[in-house]
């Protein structure tokens, strides 16, 4: 009998969609907002809503967290924060009283007396009034080692506007996979499916899905499936802009009852996406095709917003003559402009002449200011002080390789870079890539110093692809070809190469991706049939485990993969678990 009821329901929905005569223009306001800037965000929403009204909007839809900013975390517990959000909602409702209705998401206080909980709510602003369409309590348990935004759950509600029965869904990217990926499981309770089965004409989704490689294709497929399966219009407004480690790519989407794409917002830009649901017409901006173009756009947007939203005007970084610093510098120039980037050369006695030449050539090609601070005198001063102590017998014997002098060299550079950053009011950028971070191939308070690791979620092999793609796009070897083709080295001792401490990146990176589950569910395979050096997995995973304490003290990274270090991937600081052999 279930299929009979379902068929009747689908027929009813189809008839409702068929006989609605009211023309309806849905407008998704794809905005770049700042967490905690409640008044500024409200003004930005009002400005975009007025522009949408001039475009003939009948309903405006903001992304999730539009008013308070995405991932407010424990800022929600600060006295007056939620009250300020509620006051801003009332002000916004009055300012937009003569315009089209607006759906937005905001934290609000619980309705019941003596209830101190905070709710995440979908609020409709219409005719100068507020209507709470749906709300759910936010989990702010300080004992949980997760950001509160992860546990905010989702809101589902229904509202009727201009003859349209609208289902309203508010959820973060953390919930989108579970909601949209498992909706076809008919036997399990599913809040979104329950709402749809009650009979709606359109589903309105207030989203905040951060960028990861390939996420926009997956979201487009899933949302199209929901629209066609339940024969309804679907409108998903997504956030755009950088927020700490996360980058939101925009690309708000609209679909017709057959699952056809009606509109797609710009990628990595603000946009106002207008879709006429009566004629199924809207603008579809193209989607980025290559992975390199996607990653480059995300990193540029993330860095630009990190710097500007933090109140800084520029950045500096060390130029080693190597690939990682070259790609980081190019991203910085693309994001901020060459006048806001300072490159610093810090040659040591082991720095090759070609490294200095490549670093200078890169700075000239990018048009950035550069400084040169040779560190040989400081290295000698350190050794003059420490040599008597180093000559003494060691307190403890250990089997680890002695890299004390190499680490001193790196920490001198970190110290000088931080001094320049403080003096000039600039943010220091880290240049470590994901492969190095995974293996602990970095020095705490040395090359791991900085306010942001721009390519910290990009494997070394992908950094090479980014460099080649960038030169092709610029139609000029802005990043010198010698930098791309030379063997990678930190030049911390004569003749030193990365392969002295690490497997070749062509072997290491696929294994790291498999261990971290970047392309599938997280698994830790001991032997999956691939041909690789015996014991390589144990070596790699052992170094990853041992380097966790370094990652906890490293700069935040811009997240572009399914499994980034930090919120997505953490290991115990102390552990003796061994991966079982298969």
Protein backbone atom coordinates (compact mmCIF):
# COMPACT_ATOMS: atom_id res chain seq x y z
CA UNK A 1 0.00 0.00 0.00
CA UNK A 2 2.97 2.36 0.50
CA UNK A 3 3.50 2.72 -3.21
CA UNK A 4 -0.17 3.60 -3.71
CA UNK A 5 -0.07 6.42 -1.18
CA UNK A 6 3.18 7.61 -2.66
CA UNK A 7 1.74 7.65 -6.18
CA UNK A 8 -1.30 9.61 -5.01
CA UNK A 9 0.98 12.09 -3.22
CA UNK A 10 3.17 12.58 -6.28
CA UNK A 11 0.04 13.18 -8.38
CA UNK A 12 -1.17 15.77 -5.89
CA UNK A 13 2.18 17.54 -5.92
CA UNK A 14 2.24 17.51 -9.71
CA UNK A 15 -1.27 19.00 -9.86
CA UNK A 16 -0.31 21.74 -7.39
CA UNK A 17 2.74 22.60 -9.45
CA UNK A 18 0.69 22.54 -12.64
CA UNK A 19 -2.15 24.78 -11.57
CA UNK A 20 -0.29 27.46 -9.63
CA UNK A 21 -0.86 30.63 -11.60
CA UNK A 22 1.10 33.02 -9.41
CA UNK A 23 4.39 33.88 -11.08
CA UNK A 24 7.24 33.41 -8.62
CA UNK A 25 10.76 34.76 -8.92
CA UNK A 26 13.10 33.10 -6.43
CA UNK A 27 16.30 35.04 -5.84
CA UNK A 28 19.28 33.49 -4.05
CA UNK A 29 21.54 36.07 -2.43
CA UNK A 30 25.03 34.57 -2.65
CA UNK A 31 26.90 36.74 -0.14
CA UNK A 32 30.39 37.04 1.35
CA UNK A 33 29.87 37.82 5.03
CA UNK A 34 32.05 38.21 8.12
CA UNK A 35 31.59 36.17 11.28
CA UNK A 36 30.61 38.38 14.21
CA UNK A 37 29.97 41.50 12.11
CA UNK A 38 26.23 41.45 12.78
CA UNK A 39 25.50 45.05 11.79
CA UNK A 40 27.73 44.87 8.72
CA UNK A 41 26.15 41.60 7.60
CA UNK A 42 22.65 43.00 8.08
CA UNK A 43 23.53 46.02 5.96
CA UNK A 44 24.97 43.73 3.27
CA UNK A 45 21.80 41.60 3.26
CA UNK A 46 19.60 44.71 3.03
CA UNK A 47 21.62 46.06 0.10
CA UNK A 48 21.42 42.75 -1.78
CA UNK A 49 17.68 42.39 -1.05
CA UNK A 50 16.96 45.85 -2.45
CA UNK A 51 18.94 45.04 -5.59
CA UNK A 52 16.96 41.78 -5.88
CA UNK A 53 13.69 43.69 -5.53
CA UNK A 54 14.72 45.82 -8.51
CA UNK A 55 15.21 42.55 -10.42
CA UNK A 56 11.61 41.54 -9.73
CA UNK A 57 12.20 39.21 -6.78
CA UNK A 58 9.19 37.65 -5.09
CA UNK A 59 11.26 35.85 -2.44
CA UNK A 60 14.89 36.39 -1.39
CA UNK A 61 16.91 33.54 0.12
CA UNK A 62 20.17 34.04 1.99
CA UNK A 63 22.73 31.36 2.85
CA UNK A 64 22.85 29.82 6.33
CA UNK A 65 24.45 31.93 9.10
CA UNK A 66 23.97 35.04 6.98
CA UNK A 67 23.36 37.37 9.90
CA UNK A 68 25.95 36.24 12.44
CA UNK A 69 28.48 34.75 10.03
CA UNK A 70 29.41 31.14 9.51
CA UNK A 71 30.81 28.94 12.33
CA UNK A 72 30.32 31.36 15.24
CA UNK A 73 31.31 28.51 17.59
CA UNK A 74 31.55 29.59 21.24
CA UNK A 75 31.01 33.22 20.26
CA UNK A 76 27.35 32.24 20.66
CA UNK A 77 27.87 32.07 24.43
CA UNK A 78 29.22 35.63 24.70
CA UNK A 79 26.77 37.89 26.55
CA UNK A 80 24.72 39.96 24.15
CA UNK A 81 25.66 38.10 20.94
CA UNK A 82 22.34 36.35 20.35
CA UNK A 83 20.44 39.42 21.54
CA UNK A 84 22.32 41.51 18.98
CA UNK A 85 21.31 39.04 16.26
CA UNK A 86 17.67 39.28 17.27
CA UNK A 87 17.78 43.10 17.35
CA UNK A 88 19.38 43.12 13.91
CA UNK A 89 16.58 40.87 12.62
CA UNK A 90 13.91 43.31 13.81
CA UNK A 91 15.79 46.25 12.28
CA UNK A 92 16.25 44.39 9.01
CA UNK A 93 12.55 43.48 8.90
CA UNK A 94 11.57 47.14 9.26
CA UNK A 95 14.04 48.28 6.61
CA UNK A 96 12.75 45.71 4.10
CA UNK A 97 9.06 46.05 4.98
CA UNK A 98 8.18 47.41 1.53
CA UNK A 99 10.22 44.81 -0.32
CA UNK A 100 9.80 41.11 -1.09
CA UNK A 101 9.83 38.54 1.75
CA UNK A 102 13.25 37.27 2.81
CA UNK A 103 14.26 33.93 4.32
CA UNK A 104 17.41 33.94 6.40
CA UNK A 105 19.12 31.92 9.12
CA UNK A 106 20.06 33.32 12.52
CA UNK A 107 20.65 32.21 16.10
CA UNK A 108 17.77 33.10 18.42
CA UNK A 109 16.95 32.54 22.07
CA UNK A 110 14.72 29.62 23.01
CA UNK A 111 11.02 30.45 23.31
CA UNK A 112 10.25 28.70 26.63
CA UNK A 113 10.63 30.58 29.96
CA UNK A 114 13.79 29.75 31.92
CA UNK A 115 15.19 27.97 28.88
CA UNK A 116 18.73 29.24 28.32
CA UNK A 117 19.37 27.24 25.18
CA UNK A 118 20.24 28.90 21.88
CA UNK A 119 18.45 27.88 18.71
CA UNK A 120 19.44 27.96 15.08
CA UNK A 121 16.40 29.22 13.21
CA UNK A 122 14.97 29.92 9.78
CA UNK A 123 13.33 33.34 9.97
CA UNK A 124 10.95 34.85 7.42
CA UNK A 125 11.00 38.66 7.17
CA UNK A 126 7.73 39.83 5.62
CA UNK A 127 5.78 43.10 5.84
CA UNK A 128 8.03 44.35 8.62
CA UNK A 129 7.41 41.28 10.80
CA UNK A 130 9.38 38.20 11.82
CA UNK A 131 8.07 34.64 11.47
CA UNK A 132 10.16 31.75 12.80
CA UNK A 133 9.63 29.01 10.22
CA UNK A 134 11.73 26.38 12.01
CA UNK A 135 14.25 26.16 14.83
CA UNK A 136 16.42 23.63 16.61
CA UNK A 137 18.55 23.82 19.74
CA UNK A 138 22.31 24.25 19.29
CA UNK A 139 24.61 21.91 21.17
CA UNK A 140 27.12 24.06 23.05
CA UNK A 141 28.55 21.36 25.30
CA UNK A 142 32.06 22.63 26.16
CA UNK A 143 33.17 19.08 26.97
CA UNK A 144 32.87 18.02 23.34
CA UNK A 145 36.08 18.50 21.38
CA UNK A 146 34.24 19.74 18.32
CA UNK A 147 33.23 23.21 17.16
CA UNK A 148 29.62 23.91 18.14
CA UNK A 149 28.68 24.62 14.55
CA UNK A 150 29.17 20.93 13.78
CA UNK A 151 26.47 19.99 16.27
CA UNK A 152 23.93 22.61 15.29
CA UNK A 153 21.95 20.02 13.41
CA UNK A 154 19.36 21.09 10.91
CA UNK A 155 16.08 22.96 10.69
CA UNK A 156 13.10 21.81 8.64
CA UNK A 157 9.89 23.79 8.34
CA UNK A 158 7.09 24.79 5.98
CA UNK A 159 5.59 28.11 4.95
CA UNK A 160 3.06 29.19 2.29
CA UNK A 161 3.83 32.23 0.14
CA UNK A 162 1.83 33.44 -2.89
CA UNK A 163 0.09 30.09 -3.19
CA UNK A 164 3.34 28.08 -3.02
CA UNK A 165 3.85 25.54 -0.24
CA UNK A 166 7.57 25.85 0.55
CA UNK A 167 9.60 23.37 2.48
CA UNK A 168 12.50 25.16 4.16
CA UNK A 169 15.74 23.42 5.04
CA UNK A 170 18.65 25.00 6.89
CA UNK A 171 21.84 22.99 7.33
CA UNK A 172 25.62 23.22 7.12
CA UNK A 173 27.86 21.32 4.75
CA UNK A 174 28.54 18.84 7.57
CA UNK A 175 24.89 17.73 7.38
CA UNK A 176 24.42 17.93 3.64
CA UNK A 177 26.10 14.59 2.92
CA UNK A 178 23.89 12.77 5.41
CA UNK A 179 20.69 14.51 4.29
CA UNK A 180 21.08 14.34 0.54
CA UNK A 181 23.13 11.17 0.31
CA UNK A 182 20.74 8.96 2.30
CA UNK A 183 17.33 10.35 1.39
CA UNK A 184 16.64 7.38 -0.88
CA UNK A 185 16.65 4.99 2.13
CA UNK A 186 12.89 4.68 2.55
CA UNK A 187 12.89 2.57 5.71
CA UNK A 188 14.85 4.98 7.88
CA UNK A 189 13.47 8.15 9.49
CA UNK A 190 14.60 11.13 7.49
CA UNK A 191 13.49 14.66 8.49
CA UNK A 192 13.83 16.09 5.00
CA UNK A 193 11.90 13.22 3.46
CA UNK A 194 9.16 13.53 6.08
CA UNK A 195 8.69 17.18 5.18
CA UNK A 196 8.61 16.43 1.45
CA UNK A 197 6.01 13.70 1.92
CA UNK A 198 3.69 16.21 3.60
CA UNK A 199 3.32 17.86 0.21
CA UNK A 200 5.34 20.87 -0.91
CA UNK A 201 5.76 22.67 -4.22
CA UNK A 202 9.37 23.75 -3.73
CA UNK A 203 12.25 23.07 -1.38
CA UNK A 204 14.27 26.08 -0.24
CA UNK A 205 17.72 25.24 1.13
CA UNK A 206 19.79 27.76 3.10
CA UNK A 207 23.25 26.26 2.76
CA UNK A 208 26.81 26.83 3.90
CA UNK A 209 28.79 24.14 2.10
CA UNK A 210 32.57 24.74 2.11
CA UNK A 211 34.64 24.02 -0.95
CA UNK A 212 36.47 20.76 -1.37
CA UNK A 213 37.76 19.33 -4.64
CA UNK A 214 34.84 18.13 -6.74
CA UNK A 215 32.19 19.12 -4.18
CA UNK A 216 30.20 21.32 -6.57
CA UNK A 217 29.70 18.46 -9.04
CA UNK A 218 28.55 16.17 -6.24
CA UNK A 219 26.16 18.77 -4.77
CA UNK A 220 24.69 19.45 -8.19
CA UNK A 221 24.02 15.75 -8.77
CA UNK A 222 22.46 15.20 -5.35
CA UNK A 223 20.21 18.26 -5.43
CA UNK A 224 19.08 17.43 -8.96
CA UNK A 225 18.23 13.91 -7.79
CA UNK A 226 16.10 15.23 -4.92
CA UNK A 227 14.23 17.63 -7.23
CA UNK A 228 13.47 14.96 -9.85
CA UNK A 229 12.70 12.14 -7.40
CA UNK A 230 10.06 14.17 -5.58
CA UNK A 231 8.99 16.30 -8.56
CA UNK A 232 9.49 19.73 -7.03
CA UNK A 233 11.45 22.91 -7.55
CA UNK A 234 14.58 23.16 -5.45
CA UNK A 235 16.57 26.29 -4.62
CA UNK A 236 19.86 26.08 -2.73
CA UNK A 237 21.55 29.35 -1.72
CA UNK A 238 25.19 28.82 -0.79
CA UNK A 239 27.66 31.03 1.02
CA UNK A 240 30.74 32.45 -0.69
CA UNK A 241 34.03 33.68 0.79
CA UNK A 242 36.81 32.63 3.13
CA UNK A 243 36.31 32.03 6.83
CA UNK A 244 39.47 30.90 8.60
CA UNK A 245 40.42 27.51 7.18
CA UNK A 246 37.18 27.09 5.23
CA UNK A 247 36.49 28.54 1.80
CA UNK A 248 32.90 28.74 0.54
CA UNK A 249 32.59 28.53 -3.21
CA UNK A 250 29.10 29.90 -3.85
CA UNK A 251 27.50 28.34 -6.94
CA UNK A 252 23.96 28.60 -5.60
CA UNK A 253 21.72 26.23 -7.55
CA UNK A 254 18.13 26.05 -8.78
CA UNK A 255 16.38 22.99 -10.27
CA UNK A 256 13.05 22.29 -11.90
CA UNK A 257 10.67 19.43 -11.03
CA UNK A 258 12.34 17.20 -13.62
CA UNK A 259 15.77 17.79 -12.09
CA UNK A 260 16.88 20.14 -14.87
CA UNK A 261 19.33 22.85 -13.84
CA UNK A 262 17.61 26.24 -13.99
CA UNK A 263 20.31 28.45 -12.51
CA UNK A 264 23.83 28.34 -11.17
CA UNK A 265 25.61 31.16 -9.35
CA UNK A 266 29.17 32.27 -9.95
CA UNK A 267 32.02 30.34 -8.39
CA UNK A 268 34.11 32.16 -5.75
CA UNK A 269 32.19 35.43 -6.32
CA UNK A 270 29.16 37.14 -4.86
CA UNK A 271 26.07 36.82 -7.01
CA UNK A 272 22.32 37.41 -7.18
CA UNK A 273 20.76 34.33 -8.81
CA UNK A 274 17.26 35.01 -10.18
CA UNK A 275 15.06 32.08 -11.25
CA UNK A 276 11.54 32.38 -12.59
CA UNK A 277 9.88 29.23 -11.30
CA UNK A 278 6.83 29.71 -13.54
CA UNK A 279 8.80 29.71 -16.79
CA UNK A 280 11.80 27.75 -15.43
CA UNK A 281 14.23 30.41 -16.60
CA UNK A 282 17.44 31.51 -14.93
CA UNK A 283 21.10 32.27 -15.54
CA UNK A 284 23.62 29.40 -15.43
CA UNK A 285 27.20 30.54 -14.93
CA UNK A 286 29.86 28.03 -15.98
CA UNK A 287 31.52 25.71 -13.54
CA UNK A 288 35.31 25.44 -13.33
CA UNK A 289 36.55 22.42 -15.23
CA UNK A 290 40.10 21.63 -14.13
CA UNK A 291 41.04 20.67 -10.60
CA UNK A 292 43.92 23.15 -10.69
CA UNK A 293 41.59 26.03 -11.59
CA UNK A 294 39.27 25.09 -8.73
CA UNK A 295 42.04 24.81 -6.17
CA UNK A 296 43.71 28.03 -7.31
CA UNK A 297 40.45 29.95 -7.07
CA UNK A 298 39.71 28.58 -3.62
CA UNK A 299 43.18 29.37 -2.28
CA UNK A 300 43.13 32.91 -3.69
CA UNK A 301 39.71 33.64 -2.19
CA UNK A 302 40.61 32.04 1.13
CA UNK A 303 43.86 33.98 1.47
CA UNK A 304 42.31 37.30 0.41
CA UNK A 305 39.46 37.03 2.90
CA UNK A 306 41.72 35.73 5.69
CA UNK A 307 43.95 38.79 5.35
CA UNK A 308 41.25 41.41 4.83
CA UNK A 309 38.78 40.06 7.39
CA UNK A 310 41.61 39.91 9.94
CA UNK A 311 42.25 43.63 9.42
CA UNK A 312 45.64 43.34 7.69
CA UNK A 313 46.72 44.89 4.42
CA UNK A 314 49.54 42.63 3.31
CA UNK A 315 51.66 39.54 3.79
CA UNK A 316 55.27 38.44 3.71
CA UNK A 317 56.92 35.10 3.17
CA UNK A 318 60.32 33.57 2.84
CA UNK A 319 61.54 32.92 -0.73
CA UNK A 320 63.77 29.87 -0.78
CA UNK A 321 64.09 29.39 -4.52
CA UNK A 322 61.97 26.26 -4.16
CA UNK A 323 58.58 25.29 -5.54
CA UNK A 324 56.40 25.70 -2.43
CA UNK A 325 57.39 29.29 -1.69
CA UNK A 326 57.10 30.16 -5.39
CA UNK A 327 53.51 28.89 -5.66
CA UNK A 328 52.56 30.52 -2.35
CA UNK A 329 53.98 33.86 -3.52
CA UNK A 330 52.09 33.63 -6.82
CA UNK A 331 48.82 32.95 -4.98
CA UNK A 332 49.49 35.90 -2.67
CA UNK A 333 50.04 38.25 -5.61
CA UNK A 334 46.89 37.00 -7.36
CA UNK A 335 44.89 37.49 -4.15
CA UNK A 336 46.21 40.76 -2.77
CA UNK A 337 48.16 42.51 -5.50
CA UNK A 338 51.92 42.73 -5.84
CA UNK A 339 52.15 45.89 -3.73
CA UNK A 340 50.86 43.97 -0.69
CA UNK A 341 53.38 41.10 -0.82
CA UNK A 342 56.93 41.17 0.57
CA UNK A 343 59.39 38.41 -0.28
CA UNK A 344 62.38 37.75 1.98
CA UNK A 345 65.48 35.82 0.95
CA UNK A 346 67.34 34.23 3.87
CA UNK A 347 70.39 32.48 2.38
CA UNK A 348 72.58 30.30 4.56
CA UNK A 349 76.07 28.92 3.79
CA UNK A 350 74.33 25.88 2.27
CA UNK A 351 72.00 27.84 0.00
CA UNK A 352 72.99 27.22 -3.60
CA UNK A 353 73.64 30.03 -6.03
CA UNK A 354 70.79 28.84 -8.25
CA UNK A 355 68.32 28.98 -5.33
CA UNK A 356 69.16 32.63 -4.74
CA UNK A 357 68.93 33.31 -8.46
CA UNK A 358 65.54 31.59 -8.78
CA UNK A 359 64.14 33.42 -5.75
CA UNK A 360 65.24 36.80 -7.15
CA UNK A 361 63.91 35.93 -10.60
CA UNK A 362 60.54 34.94 -9.12
CA UNK A 363 60.29 38.21 -7.18
CA UNK A 364 61.08 40.17 -10.35
CA UNK A 365 58.54 38.20 -12.40
CA UNK A 366 55.82 38.81 -9.79
CA UNK A 367 56.84 42.44 -9.32
CA UNK A 368 56.99 42.18 -5.52
CA UNK A 369 59.35 43.94 -3.14
CA UNK A 370 62.13 41.74 -1.80
CA UNK A 371 64.64 41.84 1.00
CA UNK A 372 67.73 39.72 1.55
CA UNK A 373 69.00 38.82 5.02
CA UNK A 374 71.97 36.39 5.03
CA UNK A 375 71.82 34.25 8.16
CA UNK A 376 75.42 32.96 8.26
CA UNK A 377 76.47 35.45 11.01
CA UNK A 378 73.54 34.42 13.19
CA UNK A 379 74.28 30.73 12.65
CA UNK A 380 77.87 31.35 13.77
CA UNK A 381 76.68 33.29 16.82
CA UNK A 382 74.44 30.39 17.83
CA UNK A 383 77.28 27.91 17.45
CA UNK A 384 79.66 30.10 19.44
CA UNK A 385 77.22 29.99 22.34
CA UNK A 386 76.19 26.33 22.01
CA UNK A 387 79.48 24.67 20.99
CA UNK A 388 80.73 24.14 24.56
CA UNK A 389 77.41 22.51 25.47
CA UNK A 390 77.33 20.41 22.32
CA UNK A 391 80.84 19.14 23.08
CA UNK A 392 79.61 17.58 26.32
CA UNK A 393 78.40 13.95 26.32
CA UNK A 394 74.64 13.73 25.58
CA UNK A 395 72.36 13.31 28.59
CA UNK A 396 70.43 10.51 26.91
CA UNK A 397 71.15 8.22 24.02
CA UNK A 398 68.57 7.92 21.26
CA UNK A 399 68.43 6.40 17.82
CA UNK A 400 66.99 9.44 16.07
CA UNK A 401 69.11 11.33 13.57
CA UNK A 402 70.68 14.48 15.02
CA UNK A 403 69.25 17.46 13.11
CA UNK A 404 69.94 20.09 15.79
CA UNK A 405 72.01 22.37 13.58
CA UNK A 406 69.50 22.08 10.73
CA UNK A 407 66.66 23.06 13.05
CA UNK A 408 68.61 26.04 14.38
CA UNK A 409 69.02 27.25 10.81
CA UNK A 410 65.28 26.99 10.17
CA UNK A 411 64.36 28.67 13.46
CA UNK A 412 66.67 31.60 12.75
CA UNK A 413 64.72 32.15 9.55
CA UNK A 414 61.41 31.88 11.36
CA UNK A 415 62.54 34.36 14.00
CA UNK A 416 63.63 36.93 11.40
CA UNK A 417 60.45 36.56 9.39
CA UNK A 418 58.28 37.05 12.48
CA UNK A 419 60.31 40.14 13.41
CA UNK A 420 59.67 41.67 9.98
CA UNK A 421 55.99 40.73 10.16
CA UNK A 422 55.65 42.46 13.54
CA UNK A 423 57.58 45.54 12.46
CA UNK A 424 55.66 46.07 9.22
CA UNK A 425 52.23 44.90 10.41
CA UNK A 426 52.07 42.03 7.92
CA UNK A 427 50.85 38.45 8.15
CA UNK A 428 53.50 35.78 7.73
CA UNK A 429 52.52 33.00 5.34
CA UNK A 430 53.65 29.43 5.86
CA UNK A 431 54.79 27.58 2.76
CA UNK A 432 54.65 23.93 3.85
CA UNK A 433 52.62 21.56 1.68
CA UNK A 434 50.40 18.68 2.82
CA UNK A 435 52.98 15.97 2.14
CA UNK A 436 55.54 17.63 4.40
CA UNK A 437 52.95 18.35 7.08
CA UNK A 438 51.80 14.74 7.07
CA UNK A 439 55.30 13.37 7.52
CA UNK A 440 56.49 15.96 10.04
CA UNK A 441 59.06 17.18 7.52
CA UNK A 442 59.18 20.65 9.03
CA UNK A 443 60.70 22.49 11.97
CA UNK A 444 58.55 23.83 14.76
CA UNK A 445 59.07 27.60 15.20
CA UNK A 446 61.02 27.50 11.93
CA UNK A 447 59.43 26.81 8.54
CA UNK A 448 56.24 25.83 10.41
CA UNK A 449 55.90 29.43 11.63
CA UNK A 450 53.18 31.65 10.22
CA UNK A 451 49.62 32.90 10.47
CA UNK A 452 48.29 30.74 7.61
CA UNK A 453 49.55 27.74 5.66
CA UNK A 454 48.25 28.56 2.18
CA UNK A 455 49.09 25.24 0.50
CA UNK A 456 48.98 23.13 3.67
CA UNK A 457 46.16 21.00 2.21
CA UNK A 458 47.81 20.51 -1.19
CA UNK A 459 50.05 17.49 -1.79
CA UNK A 460 53.47 18.17 -3.25
CA UNK A 461 52.64 16.43 -6.53
CA UNK A 462 49.60 18.73 -6.88
CA UNK A 463 51.79 21.77 -6.15
CA UNK A 464 53.81 20.88 -9.25
CA UNK A 465 50.58 20.77 -11.29
CA UNK A 466 49.51 24.14 -9.90
CA UNK A 467 52.84 25.69 -10.90
CA UNK A 468 52.60 24.37 -14.46
CA UNK A 469 48.95 25.41 -14.76
CA UNK A 470 49.76 28.91 -13.51
CA UNK A 471 52.60 29.39 -16.00
CA UNK A 472 50.36 28.15 -18.84
CA UNK A 473 47.59 30.53 -17.83
CA UNK A 474 50.02 33.47 -17.67
CA UNK A 475 51.62 32.33 -20.95
CA UNK A 476 54.99 32.97 -19.37
CA UNK A 477 57.31 31.14 -16.96
CA UNK A 478 56.48 33.41 -14.02
CA UNK A 479 57.60 30.55 -11.80
CA UNK A 480 61.04 29.76 -13.29
CA UNK A 481 61.15 26.43 -15.09
CA UNK A 482 64.27 25.53 -13.12
CA UNK A 483 62.25 25.67 -9.91
CA UNK A 484 59.74 23.16 -11.31
CA UNK A 485 62.30 20.75 -12.69
CA UNK A 486 64.96 20.72 -9.97
CA UNK A 487 65.03 18.02 -7.28
CA UNK A 488 63.23 19.27 -4.13
CA UNK A 489 65.52 20.17 -1.24
CA UNK A 490 65.37 22.24 1.94
CA UNK A 491 69.13 22.88 1.59
CA UNK A 492 69.77 22.50 5.32
CA UNK A 493 73.08 20.73 4.71
CA UNK A 494 75.39 20.21 1.72
CA UNK A 495 73.79 18.01 -0.94
CA UNK A 496 70.61 17.41 1.06
CA UNK A 497 67.47 16.29 -0.82
CA UNK A 498 63.90 15.62 0.32
CA UNK A 499 64.29 12.00 -0.76
CA UNK A 500 66.93 11.56 1.94
CA UNK A 501 64.08 11.65 4.48
CA UNK A 502 60.95 10.90 2.45
CA UNK A 503 59.83 8.49 -0.27
CA UNK A 504 59.48 10.07 -3.72
CA UNK A 505 56.38 12.28 -3.76
CA UNK A 506 54.94 10.29 -6.67
CA UNK A 507 54.84 7.29 -4.33
CA UNK A 508 54.13 9.10 -1.07
CA UNK A 509 51.17 11.26 -2.08
CA UNK A 510 48.80 8.51 -3.31
CA UNK A 511 49.52 6.56 -0.13
CA UNK A 512 48.81 9.58 2.07
CA UNK A 513 45.55 10.19 0.21
CA UNK A 514 44.53 6.57 0.73
CA UNK A 515 45.42 6.60 4.43
CA UNK A 516 43.45 9.79 5.04
CA UNK A 517 40.47 8.70 2.93
CA UNK A 518 40.48 11.79 0.77
CA UNK A 519 38.67 10.11 -2.11
CA UNK A 520 36.58 7.60 -0.16
CA UNK A 521 35.60 6.69 3.36
CA UNK A 522 38.62 6.83 5.70
CA UNK A 523 40.46 3.52 5.73
CA UNK A 524 43.89 2.43 6.82
CA UNK A 525 44.90 -0.36 4.42
CA UNK A 526 47.99 -2.39 5.27
CA UNK A 527 48.13 -4.12 1.91
CA UNK A 528 45.68 -3.35 -0.88
CA UNK A 529 47.49 -5.28 -3.56
CA UNK A 530 49.47 -2.35 -4.92
CA UNK A 531 53.14 -2.81 -5.64
CA UNK A 532 55.18 -0.73 -3.22
CA UNK A 533 58.32 -1.10 -1.14
CA UNK A 534 57.87 -3.58 1.75
CA UNK A 535 57.19 -1.78 5.01
CA UNK A 536 56.48 1.54 3.29
CA UNK A 537 52.98 1.82 4.73
CA UNK A 538 54.23 1.21 8.28
CA UNK A 539 56.97 3.80 7.79
CA UNK A 540 54.62 6.44 6.42
CA UNK A 541 51.86 5.91 8.97
CA UNK A 542 54.41 5.80 11.78
CA UNK A 543 55.81 9.19 10.75
CA UNK A 544 52.31 10.61 10.43
CA UNK A 545 51.49 9.46 13.94
CA UNK A 546 54.74 10.79 15.39
CA UNK A 547 54.23 14.20 13.77
CA UNK A 548 50.82 14.90 15.29
CA UNK A 549 52.30 17.16 17.98
CA UNK A 550 53.81 19.33 15.25
CA UNK A 551 50.50 19.65 13.41
CA UNK A 552 48.76 20.77 16.61
CA UNK A 553 51.21 23.71 16.80
CA UNK A 554 51.30 24.58 13.11
CA UNK A 555 49.40 27.45 11.43
CA UNK A 556 45.81 26.93 10.28
CA UNK A 557 45.55 25.76 6.69
CA UNK A 558 43.22 26.58 3.83
CA UNK A 559 41.04 23.51 3.37
CA UNK A 560 40.51 22.24 -0.18
CA UNK A 561 40.26 18.44 0.27
CA UNK A 562 37.84 16.02 1.90
CA UNK A 563 40.31 15.30 4.70
CA UNK A 564 42.38 18.27 5.81
CA UNK A 565 44.60 18.26 8.88
CA UNK A 566 42.88 19.89 11.83
CA UNK A 567 39.13 19.50 12.10
CA UNK A 568 38.89 16.63 9.58
CA UNK A 569 41.88 14.54 10.66
CA UNK A 570 43.38 14.15 14.09
CA UNK A 571 45.44 11.41 15.68
CA UNK A 572 46.04 10.92 19.41
CA UNK A 573 49.11 12.77 20.62
CA UNK A 574 50.25 9.61 22.41
CA UNK A 575 49.38 6.21 20.95
CA UNK A 576 50.82 2.73 20.51
CA UNK A 577 48.23 1.26 18.17
CA UNK A 578 49.68 -0.68 15.25
CA UNK A 579 47.79 -1.20 12.01
CA UNK A 580 46.79 -4.88 11.76
CA UNK A 581 48.25 -6.83 8.88
CA UNK A 582 45.78 -8.25 6.36
